[in-house]
Amino acid sequence: MTAEREIKVKSILITQPPPEPGKNVYEEFAKKHKITIDFRAFIHIEPLTPKEIRKQKVNFADFTAIIFNSKNAVDYFFSLAAEMKIEMSAETKYFSINENVSNYVQKYIVPRKRKMFTSKGNEKDFLTLFKTHKKEKFLFPCSDIRKSSIPDYFTENGFDFSECIIYRTVSSDLSDLKEVFYDILVFFSPADIKSLYDNFPDFIQNKTRIAGFGASTQAAIAEHNLILDITAPAPGIPSMVAALEDYVSRCSK
């Protein structure tokens, strides 16, 4: 980033859904700097159909253990099971990445202590849950965009493991933004960048500043030869709101 691009900021677009009431971490920042901050999800998810599940040659009932790493996976898994008239065995074990997801599973099943396994929320701890369950037949219902760490772990350790894509990430329709311009666009995933070009294939950055959260997002920005003006996390800057605060403060001097 060069000093020439440190221009006063009046408007920012966060490429995520609007936060729930009382959970807008950008609110104080926007008031402090008198900046307009809008939210717009650049991507959304869609469940696959039973027909698409069958094409993957996966029968949910064949598995003795199900791995959930998100609430979306829980919702779509049980919705598809109901639509396909699949009744999961009462003996099925459920492994959840954190307590929130584990509690969410209980919307769909009668919880049994010996059948529910929950990690402390980090992936390293999550993977340790499986060490004493090598006899299980595992299914990982997931998105078409997912980290490889879970499948890699199971393959490397010789588990009976399958994954099934049950929902996909789709670019949202952003045509109403065609003539709308923001000083800063804030991206959180490579899929956000894909959506930008799916909607606006001739996008030219010009003086628009771009913020990217995480290494994979920043790599996608670089692949499109865009100028990355704001990065997070960074030393002393743990969050995107902190990165924006740092940048906007410099531009206001």
Protein backbone atom coordinates (compact mmCIF):
# COMPACT_ATOMS: atom_id res chain seq x y z
CA MET A 1 0.00 0.00 0.00
CA THR A 2 1.31 3.47 -0.90
CA ALA A 3 0.64 6.84 0.71
CA GLU A 4 -1.17 7.88 -2.47
CA ARG A 5 -3.92 5.38 -1.62
CA GLU A 6 -4.41 6.66 1.93
CA ILE A 7 -7.37 8.81 0.95
CA LYS A 8 -10.15 9.97 3.28
CA VAL A 9 -12.83 7.32 3.73
CA LYS A 10 -16.55 8.09 3.69
CA SER A 11 -18.13 4.73 2.86
CA ILE A 12 -17.39 1.04 3.44
CA LEU A 13 -19.12 -2.11 2.18
CA ILE A 14 -18.78 -5.21 4.37
CA THR A 15 -19.40 -8.26 2.17
CA GLN A 16 -21.30 -10.13 4.87
CA PRO A 17 -24.94 -10.25 6.00
CA PRO A 18 -26.08 -7.47 8.35
CA PRO A 19 -25.21 -8.34 11.96
CA GLU A 20 -27.89 -9.20 14.48
CA PRO A 21 -29.17 -6.31 16.62
CA GLY A 22 -26.66 -5.48 19.34
CA LYS A 23 -23.85 -7.43 17.65
CA ASN A 24 -22.55 -4.87 15.18
CA VAL A 25 -18.83 -4.61 15.99
CA TYR A 26 -18.47 -1.80 13.42
CA GLU A 27 -21.07 0.49 14.98
CA GLU A 28 -18.81 2.50 17.29
CA PHE A 29 -16.11 2.71 14.63
CA ALA A 30 -18.61 4.13 12.11
CA LYS A 31 -19.90 6.74 14.60
CA LYS A 32 -16.41 7.77 15.63
CA HIS A 33 -15.25 8.44 12.08
CA LYS A 34 -18.65 9.48 10.65
CA ILE A 35 -18.46 6.77 8.02
CA THR A 36 -21.35 5.04 6.26
CA ILE A 37 -20.98 1.26 6.61
CA ASP A 38 -23.30 -1.02 4.64
CA PHE A 39 -23.56 -4.81 4.76
CA ARG A 40 -24.27 -7.04 1.80
CA ALA A 41 -23.66 -10.78 1.61
CA PHE A 42 -21.76 -11.53 -1.60
CA ILE A 43 -22.42 -15.26 -1.21
CA HIS A 44 -25.14 -17.52 0.13
CA ILE A 45 -25.57 -21.24 0.58
CA GLU A 46 -28.05 -23.61 -1.04
CA PRO A 47 -28.82 -27.20 -0.03
CA LEU A 48 -28.36 -29.97 -2.55
CA THR A 49 -31.39 -31.99 -3.61
CA PRO A 50 -31.97 -35.64 -2.66
CA LYS A 51 -31.23 -36.51 -6.29
CA GLU A 52 -27.83 -34.84 -6.04
CA ILE A 53 -27.12 -36.67 -2.79
CA ARG A 54 -27.96 -40.03 -4.38
CA LYS A 55 -25.56 -39.28 -7.23
CA GLN A 56 -22.79 -39.24 -4.63
CA LYS A 57 -23.80 -42.84 -3.74
CA VAL A 58 -24.06 -42.03 -0.06
CA ASN A 59 -26.74 -43.41 2.26
CA PHE A 60 -26.79 -41.56 5.57
CA ALA A 61 -28.13 -44.64 7.39
CA ASP A 62 -25.01 -46.67 6.49
CA PHE A 63 -22.86 -44.65 8.90
CA THR A 64 -22.42 -45.08 12.63
CA ALA A 65 -20.95 -41.62 13.30
CA ILE A 66 -21.67 -38.18 11.85
CA ILE A 67 -19.26 -35.23 11.97
CA PHE A 68 -20.66 -31.70 12.16
CA ASN A 69 -18.55 -28.56 11.87
CA SER A 70 -21.38 -26.02 11.49
CA LYS A 71 -25.05 -25.38 12.25
CA ASN A 72 -25.74 -25.24 8.51
CA ALA A 73 -24.47 -28.80 8.14
CA VAL A 74 -26.77 -29.91 10.96
CA ASP A 75 -29.85 -28.27 9.43
CA TYR A 76 -29.26 -29.54 5.91
CA PHE A 77 -28.30 -33.05 7.00
CA PHE A 78 -31.45 -33.68 9.02
CA SER A 79 -33.68 -31.89 6.50
CA LEU A 80 -32.33 -34.08 3.71
CA ALA A 81 -32.67 -37.19 5.86
CA ALA A 82 -36.34 -36.36 6.48
CA GLU A 83 -36.96 -35.59 2.80
CA MET A 84 -35.31 -38.87 1.78
CA LYS A 85 -37.23 -40.75 4.50
CA ILE A 86 -34.02 -41.87 6.19
CA GLU A 87 -34.32 -42.57 9.90
CA MET A 88 -31.01 -42.37 11.73
CA SER A 89 -30.36 -45.12 14.26
CA ALA A 90 -30.67 -44.23 17.94
CA GLU A 91 -27.15 -45.64 18.27
CA THR A 92 -25.63 -43.12 15.85
CA LYS A 93 -22.80 -41.06 17.35
CA TYR A 94 -22.52 -37.33 16.67
CA PHE A 95 -19.25 -35.42 16.81
CA SER A 96 -19.52 -31.61 16.94
CA ILE A 97 -16.78 -29.02 16.61
CA ASN A 98 -18.07 -26.93 19.53
CA GLU A 99 -20.79 -26.77 22.15
CA ASN A 100 -23.04 -24.48 20.10
CA VAL A 101 -23.14 -26.98 17.24
CA SER A 102 -23.61 -29.86 19.68
CA ASN A 103 -26.59 -28.14 21.32
CA TYR A 104 -28.00 -27.47 17.85
CA VAL A 105 -27.89 -31.18 17.00
CA GLN A 106 -30.26 -31.72 19.91
CA LYS A 107 -33.00 -29.91 17.98
CA TYR A 108 -33.24 -33.02 15.84
CA ILE A 109 -32.42 -35.94 18.15
CA VAL A 110 -32.98 -37.11 21.70
CA PRO A 111 -29.56 -36.53 23.25
CA ARG A 112 -27.80 -39.50 24.79
CA LYS A 113 -24.64 -38.74 26.71
CA ARG A 114 -22.62 -41.61 25.30
CA LYS A 115 -23.55 -40.69 21.73
CA MET A 116 -22.63 -36.97 21.78
CA PHE A 117 -19.01 -35.84 21.52
CA THR A 118 -17.97 -32.19 21.61
CA SER A 119 -14.65 -30.38 21.31
CA LYS A 120 -13.63 -27.14 22.97
CA GLY A 121 -13.99 -25.29 19.69
CA ASN A 122 -10.56 -25.51 18.08
CA GLU A 123 -9.77 -27.94 15.32
CA LYS A 124 -6.79 -29.55 17.04
CA ASP A 125 -8.96 -30.49 20.02
CA PHE A 126 -11.75 -31.59 17.70
CA LEU A 127 -9.55 -34.12 15.93
CA THR A 128 -8.46 -35.70 19.21
CA LEU A 129 -12.08 -36.77 19.81
CA PHE A 130 -11.77 -39.50 17.20
CA LYS A 131 -8.71 -41.32 18.54
CA THR A 132 -10.73 -43.82 20.58
CA HIS A 133 -13.42 -44.34 17.93
CA LYS A 134 -11.51 -45.96 15.06
CA LYS A 135 -14.11 -48.73 14.68
CA GLU A 136 -16.82 -46.28 13.63
CA LYS A 137 -17.92 -45.62 10.08
CA PHE A 138 -17.75 -41.83 9.75
CA LEU A 139 -19.68 -39.47 7.50
CA PHE A 140 -18.71 -35.82 7.13
CA PRO A 141 -21.63 -33.85 5.61
CA CYS A 142 -20.11 -30.60 4.38
CA SER A 143 -20.07 -27.70 1.93
CA ASP A 144 -18.50 -27.76 -1.52
CA ILE A 145 -15.98 -25.29 -0.06
CA ARG A 146 -14.25 -26.69 3.00
CA LYS A 147 -10.81 -27.00 4.56
CA SER A 148 -9.02 -30.26 3.82
CA SER A 149 -7.77 -30.79 7.38
CA ILE A 150 -10.62 -33.05 8.55
CA PRO A 151 -10.60 -35.40 5.51
CA ASP A 152 -6.79 -35.40 5.53
CA TYR A 153 -6.71 -36.46 9.19
CA PHE A 154 -9.07 -39.38 8.63
CA THR A 155 -7.26 -40.55 5.50
CA GLU A 156 -3.83 -40.35 7.13
CA ASN A 157 -5.01 -42.29 10.18
CA GLY A 158 -6.83 -45.06 8.32
CA PHE A 159 -10.38 -44.36 9.45
CA ASP A 160 -13.47 -45.65 7.62
CA PHE A 161 -14.47 -42.22 6.40
CA SER A 162 -16.62 -40.65 3.68
CA GLU A 163 -17.65 -37.11 3.00
CA CYS A 164 -20.84 -35.92 1.34
CA ILE A 165 -21.44 -32.47 -0.06
CA ILE A 166 -24.89 -31.45 1.18
CA TYR A 167 -24.80 -27.71 0.46
CA ARG A 168 -22.95 -25.39 -1.87
CA THR A 169 -21.71 -21.82 -1.75
CA VAL A 170 -23.28 -19.65 -4.46
CA SER A 171 -22.55 -16.12 -5.65
CA SER A 172 -25.40 -13.77 -4.76
CA ASP A 173 -27.06 -11.47 -7.30
CA LEU A 174 -25.45 -8.05 -6.83
CA SER A 175 -26.81 -6.37 -9.95
CA ASP A 176 -28.39 -3.58 -7.89
CA LEU A 177 -24.89 -2.49 -6.85
CA LYS A 178 -23.77 -1.86 -10.43
CA GLU A 179 -23.87 1.93 -10.09
CA VAL A 180 -23.04 2.05 -6.37
CA PHE A 181 -19.49 2.85 -5.32
CA TYR A 182 -17.72 2.52 -1.97
CA ASP A 183 -14.36 3.80 -0.81
CA ILE A 184 -13.54 0.41 0.76
CA LEU A 185 -14.69 -3.12 -0.05
CA VAL A 186 -14.09 -5.64 2.74
CA PHE A 187 -13.73 -9.32 1.79
CA PHE A 188 -13.64 -12.37 4.07
CA SER A 189 -13.30 -15.36 1.73
CA PRO A 190 -12.13 -16.33 -1.76
CA ALA A 191 -15.81 -16.98 -2.58
CA ASP A 192 -16.49 -13.27 -1.99
CA ILE A 193 -13.90 -12.39 -4.62
CA LYS A 194 -15.40 -14.94 -7.01
CA SER A 195 -18.82 -13.35 -6.51
CA LEU A 196 -17.40 -9.91 -7.28
CA TYR A 197 -16.21 -11.11 -10.68
CA ASP A 198 -19.25 -13.31 -11.34
CA ASN A 199 -21.36 -10.16 -10.99
CA PHE A 200 -18.93 -7.61 -12.40
CA PRO A 201 -16.46 -9.37 -14.73
CA ASP A 202 -15.09 -6.00 -15.90
CA PHE A 203 -14.49 -4.67 -12.39
CA ILE A 204 -11.73 -2.05 -12.27
CA GLN A 205 -10.42 -1.12 -8.84
CA ASN A 206 -9.22 2.44 -9.50
CA LYS A 207 -9.26 4.29 -6.13
CA THR A 208 -11.42 1.73 -4.37
CA ARG A 209 -9.50 0.39 -1.41
CA ILE A 210 -9.71 -3.36 -0.71
CA ALA A 211 -9.49 -5.09 2.66
CA GLY A 212 -8.93 -8.83 2.96
CA PHE A 213 -9.28 -11.04 6.02
CA GLY A 214 -7.13 -14.18 6.15
CA ALA A 215 -4.43 -15.67 3.96
CA SER A 216 -6.76 -17.47 1.53
CA THR A 217 -8.78 -14.31 0.90
CA GLN A 218 -5.63 -12.27 0.40
CA ALA A 219 -4.31 -14.87 -2.05
CA ALA A 220 -7.54 -14.65 -4.09
CA ILE A 221 -7.20 -10.86 -4.17
CA ALA A 222 -3.64 -11.19 -5.45
CA GLU A 223 -4.69 -13.71 -8.11
CA HIS A 224 -6.94 -11.06 -9.62
CA ASN A 225 -4.14 -8.49 -9.55
CA LEU A 226 -6.05 -6.27 -7.16
CA ILE A 227 -4.30 -3.91 -4.76
CA LEU A 228 -4.66 -5.11 -1.17
CA ASP A 229 -4.71 -1.97 0.95
CA ILE A 230 -5.84 -3.38 4.30
CA THR A 231 -4.93 -6.76 5.79
CA ALA A 232 -6.14 -8.61 8.85
CA PRO A 233 -5.15 -10.24 11.03
CA ALA A 234 -1.73 -8.62 11.36
CA PRO A 235 0.72 -7.98 14.20
CA GLY A 236 -1.17 -5.94 16.78
CA ILE A 237 -4.29 -5.99 14.58
CA PRO A 238 -6.36 -9.09 15.42
CA SER A 239 -9.61 -8.18 13.68
CA MET A 240 -10.95 -6.49 10.58
CA VAL A 241 -12.50 -3.65 12.57
CA ALA A 242 -9.07 -3.00 14.13
CA ALA A 243 -7.47 -3.00 10.66
CA LEU A 244 -10.07 -0.52 9.38
CA GLU A 245 -9.56 1.67 12.43
CA ASP A 246 -5.81 1.72 11.80
CA TYR A 247 -6.21 2.57 8.12
CA VAL A 248 -8.94 5.20 8.50
CA SER A 249 -7.00 6.91 11.32
CA ARG A 250 -3.99 7.26 9.02
CA CYS A 251 -6.14 8.61 6.21
CA SER A 252 -7.66 11.24 8.53
CA LYS A 253 -4.32 12.81 9.42
